[in-house]
Amino acid sequence: KRYVQAWEEAKKKGYDMRADAIPIKTAKASRDIASDYKYKETH
C-alpha cells in the first residue's frame, strides 16, 4: 500500500505530461505520417 501510495495519489490528480515527452513526440510523428499519407492518397 505504501509502495503504490504516491502513484494512487498521482492518478487522483490526473495526468500531467510534458510536451517534449517521448510518447507525445511519438504520437505527433505518427499523426504527421498518417496525415501525409491521407493528403497524398487522392493524388
PDB file of all heavy atoms in Angstrom:
ATOM      1  N   LYS A   1       0.832  -1.208   0.000  1.00  0.00           N
ATOM      2  CA  LYS A   1       0.000   0.000   0.000  1.00  0.00           C
ATOM      3  C   LYS A   1       0.862   1.252   0.000  1.00  0.00           C
ATOM      4  O   LYS A   1       0.602   2.208  -0.749  1.00  0.00           O
ATOM      5  CB  LYS A   1      -0.907  -0.026   1.220  1.00  0.00           C
ATOM      6  CG  LYS A   1      -1.864   1.161   1.273  1.00  0.00           C
ATOM      7  CD  LYS A   1      -2.787   1.056   2.482  1.00  0.00           C
ATOM      8  CE  LYS A   1      -3.749   2.246   2.525  1.00  0.00           C
ATOM      9  NZ  LYS A   1      -4.654   2.183   3.701  1.00  0.00           N
ATOM     10  N   ARG A   2       1.900   1.271   0.836  1.00  0.00           N
ATOM     11  CA  ARG A   2       2.793   2.414   0.834  1.00  0.00           C
ATOM     12  C   ARG A   2       3.611   2.506  -0.463  1.00  0.00           C
ATOM     13  O   ARG A   2       4.002   3.590  -0.889  1.00  0.00           O
ATOM     14  CB  ARG A   2       3.743   2.328   2.033  1.00  0.00           C
ATOM     15  CG  ARG A   2       3.075   2.620   3.367  1.00  0.00           C
ATOM     16  CD  ARG A   2       4.082   2.498   4.499  1.00  0.00           C
ATOM     17  NE  ARG A   2       3.497   2.877   5.775  1.00  0.00           N
ATOM     18  CZ  ARG A   2       3.475   4.120   6.258  1.00  0.00           C
ATOM     19  NH1 ARG A   2       4.010   5.097   5.542  1.00  0.00           N
ATOM     20  NH2 ARG A   2       2.923   4.388   7.431  1.00  0.00           N
ATOM     21  N   TYR A   3       3.897   1.363  -1.081  1.00  0.00           N
ATOM     22  CA  TYR A   3       4.683   1.351  -2.313  1.00  0.00           C
ATOM     23  C   TYR A   3       3.953   2.042  -3.460  1.00  0.00           C
ATOM     24  O   TYR A   3       4.559   2.729  -4.279  1.00  0.00           O
ATOM     25  CB  TYR A   3       5.014  -0.099  -2.677  1.00  0.00           C
ATOM     26  CG  TYR A   3       5.818  -0.248  -3.942  1.00  0.00           C
ATOM     27  CD1 TYR A   3       7.161   0.115  -3.972  1.00  0.00           C
ATOM     28  CD2 TYR A   3       5.226  -0.741  -5.100  1.00  0.00           C
ATOM     29  CE1 TYR A   3       7.906  -0.023  -5.128  1.00  0.00           C
ATOM     30  CE2 TYR A   3       5.960  -0.866  -6.266  1.00  0.00           C
ATOM     31  CZ  TYR A   3       7.300  -0.514  -6.276  1.00  0.00           C
ATOM     32  OH  TYR A   3       8.023  -0.657  -7.429  1.00  0.00           O
ATOM     33  N   VAL A   4       2.612   1.822  -3.534  1.00  0.00           N
ATOM     34  CA  VAL A   4       1.822   2.409  -4.636  1.00  0.00           C
ATOM     35  C   VAL A   4       1.027   3.615  -4.160  1.00  0.00           C
ATOM     36  O   VAL A   4       0.143   4.086  -4.877  1.00  0.00           O
ATOM     37  CB  VAL A   4       0.881   1.343  -5.226  1.00  0.00           C
ATOM     38  CG1 VAL A   4       1.688   0.190  -5.809  1.00  0.00           C
ATOM     39  CG2 VAL A   4      -0.101   0.814  -4.165  1.00  0.00           C
ATOM     40  N   GLN A   5       1.324   4.134  -2.967  1.00  0.00           N
ATOM     41  CA  GLN A   5       0.543   5.244  -2.441  1.00  0.00           C
ATOM     42  C   GLN A   5       0.728   6.501  -3.300  1.00  0.00           C
ATOM     43  O   GLN A   5      -0.248   7.186  -3.644  1.00  0.00           O
ATOM     44  CB  GLN A   5       0.949   5.516  -0.989  1.00  0.00           C
ATOM     45  CG  GLN A   5       0.122   6.625  -0.332  1.00  0.00           C
ATOM     46  CD  GLN A   5       0.526   6.863   1.117  1.00  0.00           C
ATOM     47  OE1 GLN A   5       1.457   6.207   1.605  1.00  0.00           O
ATOM     48  NE2 GLN A   5      -0.162   7.755   1.786  1.00  0.00           N
ATOM     49  N   ALA A   6       2.004   6.829  -3.660  1.00  0.00           N
ATOM     50  CA  ALA A   6       2.253   8.024  -4.463  1.00  0.00           C
ATOM     51  C   ALA A   6       1.626   7.915  -5.847  1.00  0.00           C
ATOM     52  O   ALA A   6       1.082   8.880  -6.392  1.00  0.00           O
ATOM     53  CB  ALA A   6       3.770   8.256  -4.580  1.00  0.00           C
ATOM     54  N   TRP A   7       1.689   6.701  -6.408  1.00  0.00           N
ATOM     55  CA  TRP A   7       1.085   6.523  -7.739  1.00  0.00           C
ATOM     56  C   TRP A   7      -0.417   6.679  -7.697  1.00  0.00           C
ATOM     57  O   TRP A   7      -1.021   7.272  -8.596  1.00  0.00           O
ATOM     58  CB  TRP A   7       1.481   5.137  -8.258  1.00  0.00           C
ATOM     59  CG  TRP A   7       0.956   4.870  -9.639  1.00  0.00           C
ATOM     60  CD1 TRP A   7       1.197   5.577 -10.757  1.00  0.00           C
ATOM     61  CD2 TRP A   7       0.076   3.809 -10.023  1.00  0.00           C
ATOM     62  NE1 TRP A   7       0.553   5.049 -11.826  1.00  0.00           N
ATOM     63  CE2 TRP A   7      -0.153   3.938 -11.408  1.00  0.00           C
ATOM     64  CE3 TRP A   7      -0.525   2.745  -9.333  1.00  0.00           C
ATOM     65  CZ2 TRP A   7      -0.972   3.070 -12.121  1.00  0.00           C
ATOM     66  CZ3 TRP A   7      -1.314   1.876 -10.056  1.00  0.00           C
ATOM     67  CH2 TRP A   7      -1.541   2.049 -11.423  1.00  0.00           C
ATOM     68  N   GLU A   8      -1.057   6.136  -6.639  1.00  0.00           N
ATOM     69  CA  GLU A   8      -2.506   6.267  -6.478  1.00  0.00           C
ATOM     70  C   GLU A   8      -2.903   7.736  -6.303  1.00  0.00           C
ATOM     71  O   GLU A   8      -3.907   8.196  -6.871  1.00  0.00           O
ATOM     72  CB  GLU A   8      -2.982   5.431  -5.275  1.00  0.00           C
ATOM     73  CG  GLU A   8      -2.814   3.922  -5.444  1.00  0.00           C
ATOM     74  CD  GLU A   8      -3.733   3.380  -6.524  1.00  0.00           C
ATOM     75  OE1 GLU A   8      -4.734   4.052  -6.858  1.00  0.00           O
ATOM     76  OE2 GLU A   8      -3.451   2.282  -7.040  1.00  0.00           O
ATOM     77  N   GLU A   9      -2.103   8.459  -5.528  1.00  0.00           N
ATOM     78  CA  GLU A   9      -2.417   9.878  -5.361  1.00  0.00           C
ATOM     79  C   GLU A   9      -2.227  10.646  -6.661  1.00  0.00           C
ATOM     80  O   GLU A   9      -2.979  11.590  -6.946  1.00  0.00           O
ATOM     81  CB  GLU A   9      -1.515  10.460  -4.269  1.00  0.00           C
ATOM     82  CG  GLU A   9      -1.831   9.916  -2.877  1.00  0.00           C
ATOM     83  CD  GLU A   9      -0.887  10.490  -1.831  1.00  0.00           C
ATOM     84  OE1 GLU A   9       0.029  11.248  -2.236  1.00  0.00           O
ATOM     85  OE2 GLU A   9      -1.058  10.183  -0.625  1.00  0.00           O
ATOM     86  N   ALA A  10      -1.190  10.276  -7.464  1.00  0.00           N
ATOM     87  CA  ALA A  10      -0.984  10.951  -8.747  1.00  0.00           C
ATOM     88  C   ALA A  10      -2.122  10.660  -9.709  1.00  0.00           C
ATOM     89  O   ALA A  10      -2.527  11.522 -10.500  1.00  0.00           O
ATOM     90  CB  ALA A  10       0.353  10.507  -9.344  1.00  0.00           C
ATOM     91  N   LYS A  11      -2.676   9.428  -9.642  1.00  0.00           N
ATOM     92  CA  LYS A  11      -3.807   9.102 -10.520  1.00  0.00           C
ATOM     93  C   LYS A  11      -5.030   9.919 -10.173  1.00  0.00           C
ATOM     94  O   LYS A  11      -5.821  10.283 -11.042  1.00  0.00           O
ATOM     95  CB  LYS A  11      -4.119   7.601 -10.417  1.00  0.00           C
ATOM     96  CG  LYS A  11      -3.099   6.723 -11.120  1.00  0.00           C
ATOM     97  CD  LYS A  11      -3.615   5.331 -11.346  1.00  0.00           C
ATOM     98  CE  LYS A  11      -3.944   4.642 -10.033  1.00  0.00           C
ATOM     99  NZ  LYS A  11      -4.418   3.260 -10.263  1.00  0.00           N
ATOM    100  N   LYS A  12      -5.201  10.214  -8.878  1.00  0.00           N
ATOM    101  CA  LYS A  12      -6.357  11.008  -8.475  1.00  0.00           C
ATOM    102  C   LYS A  12      -6.263  12.450  -8.973  1.00  0.00           C
ATOM    103  O   LYS A  12      -7.278  13.079  -9.227  1.00  0.00           O
ATOM    104  CB  LYS A  12      -6.474  10.994  -6.961  1.00  0.00           C
ATOM    105  CG  LYS A  12      -6.779   9.623  -6.374  1.00  0.00           C
ATOM    106  CD  LYS A  12      -6.817   9.674  -4.854  1.00  0.00           C
ATOM    107  CE  LYS A  12      -7.090   8.296  -4.252  1.00  0.00           C
ATOM    108  NZ  LYS A  12      -7.091   8.333  -2.772  1.00  0.00           N
ATOM    109  N   LYS A  13      -5.043  12.950  -9.120  1.00  0.00           N
ATOM    110  CA  LYS A  13      -4.860  14.336  -9.570  1.00  0.00           C
ATOM    111  C   LYS A  13      -4.940  14.470 -11.083  1.00  0.00           C
ATOM    112  O   LYS A  13      -5.023  15.570 -11.603  1.00  0.00           O
ATOM    113  CB  LYS A  13      -3.491  14.848  -9.105  1.00  0.00           C
ATOM    114  CG  LYS A  13      -3.364  14.954  -7.594  1.00  0.00           C
ATOM    115  CD  LYS A  13      -1.982  15.456  -7.221  1.00  0.00           C
ATOM    116  CE  LYS A  13      -1.829  15.550  -5.714  1.00  0.00           C
ATOM    117  NZ  LYS A  13      -0.477  16.014  -5.308  1.00  0.00           N
ATOM    118  N   GLY A  14      -4.889  13.407 -11.842  1.00  0.00           N
ATOM    119  CA  GLY A  14      -4.914  13.490 -13.303  1.00  0.00           C
ATOM    120  C   GLY A  14      -3.507  13.384 -13.880  1.00  0.00           C
ATOM    121  O   GLY A  14      -2.515  13.377 -13.169  1.00  0.00           O
ATOM    122  N   TYR A  15      -3.396  13.348 -15.210  1.00  0.00           N
ATOM    123  CA  TYR A  15      -2.123  13.183 -15.903  1.00  0.00           C
ATOM    124  C   TYR A  15      -1.536  14.548 -16.238  1.00  0.00           C
ATOM    125  O   TYR A  15      -2.237  15.430 -16.737  1.00  0.00           O
ATOM    126  CB  TYR A  15      -2.296  12.359 -17.185  1.00  0.00           C
ATOM    127  CG  TYR A  15      -2.698  10.928 -16.906  1.00  0.00           C
ATOM    128  CD1 TYR A  15      -4.032  10.534 -16.975  1.00  0.00           C
ATOM    129  CD2 TYR A  15      -1.742   9.985 -16.560  1.00  0.00           C
ATOM    130  CE1 TYR A  15      -4.401   9.225 -16.704  1.00  0.00           C
ATOM    131  CE2 TYR A  15      -2.102   8.679 -16.293  1.00  0.00           C
ATOM    132  CZ  TYR A  15      -3.440   8.293 -16.368  1.00  0.00           C
ATOM    133  OH  TYR A  15      -3.789   7.012 -16.115  1.00  0.00           O
ATOM    134  N   ASP A  16      -0.253  14.710 -16.002  1.00  0.00           N
ATOM    135  CA  ASP A  16       0.478  15.939 -16.314  1.00  0.00           C
ATOM    136  C   ASP A  16       1.704  15.551 -17.142  1.00  0.00           C
ATOM    137  O   ASP A  16       2.767  15.260 -16.604  1.00  0.00           O
ATOM    138  CB  ASP A  16       0.894  16.657 -15.028  1.00  0.00           C
ATOM    139  CG  ASP A  16       1.575  17.984 -15.329  1.00  0.00           C
ATOM    140  OD1 ASP A  16       1.456  18.453 -16.479  1.00  0.00           O
ATOM    141  OD2 ASP A  16       2.216  18.537 -14.424  1.00  0.00           O
ATOM    142  N   MET A  17       1.533  15.488 -18.453  1.00  0.00           N
ATOM    143  CA  MET A  17       2.609  15.030 -19.336  1.00  0.00           C
ATOM    144  C   MET A  17       3.187  16.224 -20.095  1.00  0.00           C
ATOM    145  O   MET A  17       2.444  17.057 -20.617  1.00  0.00           O
ATOM    146  CB  MET A  17       2.077  13.979 -20.321  1.00  0.00           C
ATOM    147  CG  MET A  17       3.177  13.300 -21.131  1.00  0.00           C
ATOM    148  SD  MET A  17       2.546  11.906 -22.048  1.00  0.00           S
ATOM    149  CE  MET A  17       2.201  10.762 -20.722  1.00  0.00           C
ATOM    150  N   ARG A  18       4.508  16.301 -20.153  1.00  0.00           N
ATOM    151  CA  ARG A  18       5.167  17.403 -20.833  1.00  0.00           C
ATOM    152  C   ARG A  18       5.038  17.276 -22.351  1.00  0.00           C
ATOM    153  O   ARG A  18       4.836  16.190 -22.887  1.00  0.00           O
ATOM    154  CB  ARG A  18       6.641  17.438 -20.448  1.00  0.00           C
ATOM    155  CG  ARG A  18       6.890  17.712 -18.965  1.00  0.00           C
ATOM    156  CD  ARG A  18       8.350  17.556 -18.639  1.00  0.00           C
ATOM    157  NE  ARG A  18       8.783  16.179 -18.896  1.00  0.00           N
ATOM    158  CZ  ARG A  18      10.048  15.773 -18.834  1.00  0.00           C
ATOM    159  NH1 ARG A  18      10.990  16.634 -18.534  1.00  0.00           N
ATOM    160  NH2 ARG A  18      10.346  14.508 -19.071  1.00  0.00           N
ATOM    161  N   ALA A  19       5.226  18.417 -23.015  1.00  0.00           N
ATOM    162  CA  ALA A  19       5.082  18.419 -24.472  1.00  0.00           C
ATOM    163  C   ALA A  19       6.250  17.728 -25.170  1.00  0.00           C
ATOM    164  O   ALA A  19       6.129  17.265 -26.307  1.00  0.00           O
ATOM    165  CB  ALA A  19       4.956  19.856 -24.992  1.00  0.00           C
ATOM    166  N   ASP A  20       7.424  17.668 -24.499  1.00  0.00           N
ATOM    167  CA  ASP A  20       8.579  17.036 -25.098  1.00  0.00           C
ATOM    168  C   ASP A  20       8.777  15.602 -24.627  1.00  0.00           C
ATOM    169  O   ASP A  20       9.878  15.053 -24.748  1.00  0.00           O
ATOM    170  CB  ASP A  20       9.839  17.852 -24.789  1.00  0.00           C
ATOM    171  CG  ASP A  20      10.027  18.031 -23.284  1.00  0.00           C
ATOM    172  OD1 ASP A  20       9.082  17.749 -22.531  1.00  0.00           O
ATOM    173  OD2 ASP A  20      11.124  18.459 -22.886  1.00  0.00           O
ATOM    174  N   ALA A  21       7.728  14.994 -24.044  1.00  0.00           N
ATOM    175  CA  ALA A  21       7.833  13.608 -23.623  1.00  0.00           C
ATOM    176  C   ALA A  21       7.905  12.688 -24.832  1.00  0.00           C
ATOM    177  O   ALA A  21       7.404  13.008 -25.920  1.00  0.00           O
ATOM    178  CB  ALA A  21       6.652  13.225 -22.724  1.00  0.00           C
ATOM    179  N   ILE A  22       8.531  11.535 -24.657  1.00  0.00           N
ATOM    180  CA  ILE A  22       8.710  10.606 -25.773  1.00  0.00           C
ATOM    181  C   ILE A  22       7.364  10.104 -26.317  1.00  0.00           C
ATOM    182  O   ILE A  22       7.168  10.053 -27.540  1.00  0.00           O
ATOM    183  CB  ILE A  22       9.605   9.435 -25.339  1.00  0.00           C
ATOM    184  CG1 ILE A  22      11.012   9.967 -25.009  1.00  0.00           C
ATOM    185  CG2 ILE A  22       9.687   8.372 -26.425  1.00  0.00           C
ATOM    186  CD1 ILE A  22      11.957   8.908 -24.506  1.00  0.00           C
ATOM    187  N   PRO A  23       6.386   9.721 -25.469  1.00  0.00           N
ATOM    188  CA  PRO A  23       5.102   9.293 -26.043  1.00  0.00           C
ATOM    189  C   PRO A  23       4.404  10.392 -26.829  1.00  0.00           C
ATOM    190  O   PRO A  23       3.773  10.116 -27.871  1.00  0.00           O
ATOM    191  CB  PRO A  23       4.294   8.887 -24.796  1.00  0.00           C
ATOM    192  CG  PRO A  23       5.310   8.557 -23.758  1.00  0.00           C
ATOM    193  CD  PRO A  23       6.428   9.506 -23.999  1.00  0.00           C
ATOM    194  N   ILE A  24       4.513  11.643 -26.366  1.00  0.00           N
ATOM    195  CA  ILE A  24       3.879  12.745 -27.097  1.00  0.00           C
ATOM    196  C   ILE A  24       4.548  12.923 -28.457  1.00  0.00           C
ATOM    197  O   ILE A  24       3.878  13.104 -29.490  1.00  0.00           O
ATOM    198  CB  ILE A  24       3.958  14.044 -26.263  1.00  0.00           C
ATOM    199  CG1 ILE A  24       3.189  13.880 -24.943  1.00  0.00           C
ATOM    200  CG2 ILE A  24       3.407  15.207 -27.052  1.00  0.00           C
ATOM    201  CD1 ILE A  24       1.717  13.617 -25.112  1.00  0.00           C
ATOM    202  N   LYS A  25       5.886  12.878 -28.491  1.00  0.00           N
ATOM    203  CA  LYS A  25       6.588  13.009 -29.768  1.00  0.00           C
ATOM    204  C   LYS A  25       6.252  11.865 -30.709  1.00  0.00           C
ATOM    205  O   LYS A  25       6.073  12.048 -31.914  1.00  0.00           O
ATOM    206  CB  LYS A  25       8.097  13.059 -29.516  1.00  0.00           C
ATOM    207  CG  LYS A  25       8.562  14.343 -28.847  1.00  0.00           C
ATOM    208  CD  LYS A  25      10.081  14.370 -28.751  1.00  0.00           C
ATOM    209  CE  LYS A  25      10.550  15.681 -28.159  1.00  0.00           C
ATOM    210  NZ  LYS A  25      12.035  15.744 -28.070  1.00  0.00           N
ATOM    211  N   THR A  26       6.161  10.661 -30.153  1.00  0.00           N
ATOM    212  CA  THR A  26       5.806   9.509 -30.992  1.00  0.00           C
ATOM    213  C   THR A  26       4.411   9.672 -31.588  1.00  0.00           C
ATOM    214  O   THR A  26       4.179   9.387 -32.779  1.00  0.00           O
ATOM    215  CB  THR A  26       5.879   8.232 -30.146  1.00  0.00           C
ATOM    216  OG1 THR A  26       7.182   8.126 -29.560  1.00  0.00           O
ATOM    217  CG2 THR A  26       5.611   7.009 -31.002  1.00  0.00           C
ATOM    218  N   ALA A  27       3.468  10.135 -30.771  1.00  0.00           N
ATOM    219  CA  ALA A  27       2.105  10.336 -31.263  1.00  0.00           C
ATOM    220  C   ALA A  27       2.060  11.406 -32.343  1.00  0.00           C
ATOM    221  O   ALA A  27       1.356  11.269 -33.358  1.00  0.00           O
ATOM    222  CB  ALA A  27       1.196  10.708 -30.091  1.00  0.00           C
ATOM    223  N   LYS A  28       2.819  12.493 -32.154  1.00  0.00           N
ATOM    224  CA  LYS A  28       2.835  13.551 -33.167  1.00  0.00           C
ATOM    225  C   LYS A  28       3.437  13.058 -34.472  1.00  0.00           C
ATOM    226  O   LYS A  28       2.928  13.365 -35.560  1.00  0.00           O
ATOM    227  CB  LYS A  28       3.635  14.749 -32.643  1.00  0.00           C
ATOM    228  CG  LYS A  28       2.914  15.533 -31.549  1.00  0.00           C
ATOM    229  CD  LYS A  28       3.751  16.730 -31.123  1.00  0.00           C
ATOM    230  CE  LYS A  28       3.021  17.544 -30.058  1.00  0.00           C
ATOM    231  NZ  LYS A  28       3.806  18.727 -29.642  1.00  0.00           N
ATOM    232  N   ALA A  29       4.547  12.288 -34.382  1.00  0.00           N
ATOM    233  CA  ALA A  29       5.157  11.759 -35.600  1.00  0.00           C
ATOM    234  C   ALA A  29       4.214  10.807 -36.323  1.00  0.00           C
ATOM    235  O   ALA A  29       4.092  10.852 -37.559  1.00  0.00           O
ATOM    236  CB  ALA A  29       6.468  11.045 -35.243  1.00  0.00           C
ATOM    237  N   SER A  30       3.510   9.951 -35.572  1.00  0.00           N
ATOM    238  CA  SER A  30       2.544   9.045 -36.201  1.00  0.00           C
ATOM    239  C   SER A  30       1.417   9.820 -36.855  1.00  0.00           C
ATOM    240  O   SER A  30       0.951   9.481 -37.961  1.00  0.00           O
ATOM    241  CB  SER A  30       1.980   8.088 -35.138  1.00  0.00           C
ATOM    242  OG  SER A  30       3.027   7.336 -34.539  1.00  0.00           O
ATOM    243  N   ARG A  31       0.965  10.887 -36.199  1.00  0.00           N
ATOM    244  CA  ARG A  31      -0.103  11.704 -36.782  1.00  0.00           C
ATOM    245  C   ARG A  31       0.351  12.382 -38.070  1.00  0.00           C
ATOM    246  O   ARG A  31      -0.394  12.437 -39.063  1.00  0.00           O
ATOM    247  CB  ARG A  31      -0.530  12.747 -35.763  1.00  0.00           C
ATOM    248  CG  ARG A  31      -1.682  13.643 -36.223  1.00  0.00           C
ATOM    249  CD  ARG A  31      -1.806  14.861 -35.349  1.00  0.00           C
ATOM    250  NE  ARG A  31      -0.573  15.649 -35.419  1.00  0.00           N
ATOM    251  CZ  ARG A  31      -0.338  16.684 -34.644  1.00  0.00           C
ATOM    252  NH1 ARG A  31      -1.186  17.038 -33.704  1.00  0.00           N
ATOM    253  NH2 ARG A  31       0.801  17.355 -34.763  1.00  0.00           N
ATOM    254  N   ASP A  32       1.608  12.885 -38.086  1.00  0.00           N
ATOM    255  CA  ASP A  32       2.111  13.537 -39.295  1.00  0.00           C
ATOM    256  C   ASP A  32       2.243  12.543 -40.440  1.00  0.00           C
ATOM    257  O   ASP A  32       1.936  12.860 -41.598  1.00  0.00           O
ATOM    258  CB  ASP A  32       3.472  14.178 -39.002  1.00  0.00           C
ATOM    259  CG  ASP A  32       3.354  15.303 -37.980  1.00  0.00           C
ATOM    260  OD1 ASP A  32       2.222  15.836 -37.833  1.00  0.00           O
ATOM    261  OD2 ASP A  32       4.370  15.644 -37.349  1.00  0.00           O
ATOM    262  N   ILE A  33       2.710  11.324 -40.122  1.00  0.00           N
ATOM    263  CA  ILE A  33       2.842  10.314 -41.178  1.00  0.00           C
ATOM    264  C   ILE A  33       1.474   9.948 -41.747  1.00  0.00           C
ATOM    265  O   ILE A  33       1.287   9.847 -42.967  1.00  0.00           O
ATOM    266  CB  ILE A  33       3.562   9.077 -40.622  1.00  0.00           C
ATOM    267  CG1 ILE A  33       5.013   9.422 -40.254  1.00  0.00           C
ATOM    268  CG2 ILE A  33       3.515   7.926 -41.616  1.00  0.00           C
ATOM    269  CD1 ILE A  33       5.749   8.306 -39.553  1.00  0.00           C
ATOM    270  N   ALA A  34       0.516   9.743 -40.853  1.00  0.00           N
ATOM    271  CA  ALA A  34      -0.833   9.403 -41.311  1.00  0.00           C
ATOM    272  C   ALA A  34      -1.451  10.552 -42.087  1.00  0.00           C
ATOM    273  O   ALA A  34      -2.125  10.352 -43.110  1.00  0.00           O
ATOM    274  CB  ALA A  34      -1.709   9.034 -40.108  1.00  0.00           C
ATOM    275  N   SER A  35      -1.204  11.798 -41.638  1.00  0.00           N
ATOM    276  CA  SER A  35      -1.758  12.951 -42.340  1.00  0.00           C
ATOM    277  C   SER A  35      -1.145  13.087 -43.725  1.00  0.00           C
ATOM    278  O   SER A  35      -1.849  13.390 -44.697  1.00  0.00           O
ATOM    279  CB  SER A  35      -1.500  14.217 -41.513  1.00  0.00           C
ATOM    280  OG  SER A  35      -1.953  15.352 -42.202  1.00  0.00           O
ATOM    281  N   ASP A  36       0.182  12.872 -43.862  1.00  0.00           N
ATOM    282  CA  ASP A  36       0.813  12.958 -45.165  1.00  0.00           C
ATOM    283  C   ASP A  36       0.295  11.871 -46.098  1.00  0.00           C
ATOM    284  O   ASP A  36       0.095  12.108 -47.296  1.00  0.00           O
ATOM    285  CB  ASP A  36       2.330  12.837 -44.999  1.00  0.00           C
ATOM    286  CG  ASP A  36       3.062  13.071 -46.300  1.00  0.00           C
ATOM    287  OD1 ASP A  36       3.064  14.219 -46.782  1.00  0.00           O
ATOM    288  OD2 ASP A  36       3.636  12.104 -46.845  1.00  0.00           O
ATOM    289  N   TYR A  37       0.074  10.689 -45.550  1.00  0.00           N
ATOM    290  CA  TYR A  37      -0.460   9.606 -46.370  1.00  0.00           C
ATOM    291  C   TYR A  37      -1.879   9.938 -46.846  1.00  0.00           C
ATOM    292  O   TYR A  37      -2.214   9.755 -48.026  1.00  0.00           O
ATOM    293  CB  TYR A  37      -0.453   8.308 -45.567  1.00  0.00           C
ATOM    294  CG  TYR A  37      -1.132   7.158 -46.278  1.00  0.00           C
ATOM    295  CD1 TYR A  37      -0.515   6.501 -47.333  1.00  0.00           C
ATOM    296  CD2 TYR A  37      -2.413   6.750 -45.890  1.00  0.00           C
ATOM    297  CE1 TYR A  37      -1.130   5.459 -47.985  1.00  0.00           C
ATOM    298  CE2 TYR A  37      -3.046   5.714 -46.546  1.00  0.00           C
ATOM    299  CZ  TYR A  37      -2.405   5.060 -47.594  1.00  0.00           C
ATOM    300  OH  TYR A  37      -3.044   4.041 -48.252  1.00  0.00           O
ATOM    301  N   LYS A  38      -2.739  10.447 -45.955  1.00  0.00           N
ATOM    302  CA  LYS A  38      -4.095  10.822 -46.337  1.00  0.00           C
ATOM    303  C   LYS A  38      -4.105  11.976 -47.328  1.00  0.00           C
ATOM    304  O   LYS A  38      -4.946  12.048 -48.218  1.00  0.00           O
ATOM    305  CB  LYS A  38      -4.900  11.203 -45.083  1.00  0.00           C
ATOM    306  CG  LYS A  38      -5.219  10.028 -44.162  1.00  0.00           C
ATOM    307  CD  LYS A  38      -6.182   9.063 -44.813  1.00  0.00           C
ATOM    308  CE  LYS A  38      -6.549   7.928 -43.837  1.00  0.00           C
ATOM    309  NZ  LYS A  38      -7.475   6.942 -44.474  1.00  0.00           N
ATOM    310  N   TYR A  39      -3.117  12.899 -47.162  1.00  0.00           N
ATOM    311  CA  TYR A  39      -3.069  14.072 -48.036  1.00  0.00           C
ATOM    312  C   TYR A  39      -2.725  13.666 -49.469  1.00  0.00           C
ATOM    313  O   TYR A  39      -3.263  14.227 -50.435  1.00  0.00           O
ATOM    314  CB  TYR A  39      -2.030  15.056 -47.490  1.00  0.00           C
ATOM    315  CG  TYR A  39      -1.834  16.263 -48.356  1.00  0.00           C
ATOM    316  CD1 TYR A  39      -2.788  17.278 -48.404  1.00  0.00           C
ATOM    317  CD2 TYR A  39      -0.692  16.404 -49.132  1.00  0.00           C
ATOM    318  CE1 TYR A  39      -2.602  18.385 -49.201  1.00  0.00           C
ATOM    319  CE2 TYR A  39      -0.505  17.506 -49.934  1.00  0.00           C
ATOM    320  CZ  TYR A  39      -1.462  18.512 -49.965  1.00  0.00           C
ATOM    321  OH  TYR A  39      -1.281  19.613 -50.762  1.00  0.00           O
ATOM    322  N   LYS A  40      -1.847  12.643 -49.611  1.00  0.00           N
ATOM    323  CA  LYS A  40      -1.414  12.225 -50.943  1.00  0.00           C
ATOM    324  C   LYS A  40      -2.187  11.020 -51.467  1.00  0.00           C
ATOM    325  O   LYS A  40      -1.876  10.520 -52.553  1.00  0.00           O
ATOM    326  CB  LYS A  40       0.073  11.879 -50.918  1.00  0.00           C
ATOM    327  CG  LYS A  40       0.969  13.076 -50.622  1.00  0.00           C
ATOM    328  CD  LYS A  40       2.416  12.686 -50.655  1.00  0.00           C
ATOM    329  CE  LYS A  40       3.314  13.878 -50.390  1.00  0.00           C
ATOM    330  NZ  LYS A  40       4.751  13.512 -50.403  1.00  0.00           N
ATOM    331  N   GLU A  41      -3.181  10.567 -50.727  1.00  0.00           N
ATOM    332  CA  GLU A  41      -3.909   9.367 -51.156  1.00  0.00           C
ATOM    333  C   GLU A  41      -4.660   9.622 -52.453  1.00  0.00           C
ATOM    334  O   GLU A  41      -4.607   8.822 -53.400  1.00  0.00           O
ATOM    335  CB  GLU A  41      -4.866   8.938 -50.048  1.00  0.00           C
ATOM    336  CG  GLU A  41      -5.616   7.640 -50.367  1.00  0.00           C
ATOM    337  CD  GLU A  41      -6.532   7.227 -49.228  1.00  0.00           C
ATOM    338  OE1 GLU A  41      -6.640   7.988 -48.237  1.00  0.00           O
ATOM    339  OE2 GLU A  41      -7.128   6.139 -49.334  1.00  0.00           O
ATOM    340  N   THR A  42      -5.365  10.759 -52.544  1.00  0.00           N
ATOM    341  CA  THR A  42      -6.124  11.079 -53.761  1.00  0.00           C
ATOM    342  C   THR A  42      -5.199  11.296 -54.949  1.00  0.00           C
ATOM    343  O   THR A  42      -5.486  10.872 -56.086  1.00  0.00           O
ATOM    344  CB  THR A  42      -6.970  12.346 -53.514  1.00  0.00           C
ATOM    345  OG1 THR A  42      -7.781  12.140 -52.357  1.00  0.00           O
ATOM    346  CG2 THR A  42      -7.871  12.623 -54.704  1.00  0.00           C
ATOM    347  N   HIS A  43      -4.044  11.938 -54.691  1.00  0.00           N
ATOM    348  CA  HIS A  43      -3.095  12.176 -55.778  1.00  0.00           C
ATOM    349  C   HIS A  43      -2.535  10.856 -56.317  1.00  0.00           C
ATOM    350  O   HIS A  43      -2.361  10.693 -57.532  1.00  0.00           O
ATOM    351  CB  HIS A  43      -1.955  13.073 -55.269  1.00  0.00           C
ATOM    352  CG  HIS A  43      -0.836  13.234 -56.250  1.00  0.00           C
ATOM    353  ND1 HIS A  43      -0.985  13.907 -57.450  1.00  0.00           N
ATOM    354  CD2 HIS A  43       0.457  12.793 -56.220  1.00  0.00           C
ATOM    355  CE1 HIS A  43       0.156  13.884 -58.114  1.00  0.00           C
ATOM    356  NE2 HIS A  43       1.047  13.210 -57.379  1.00  0.00           N
TER     357      HIS A  43
END
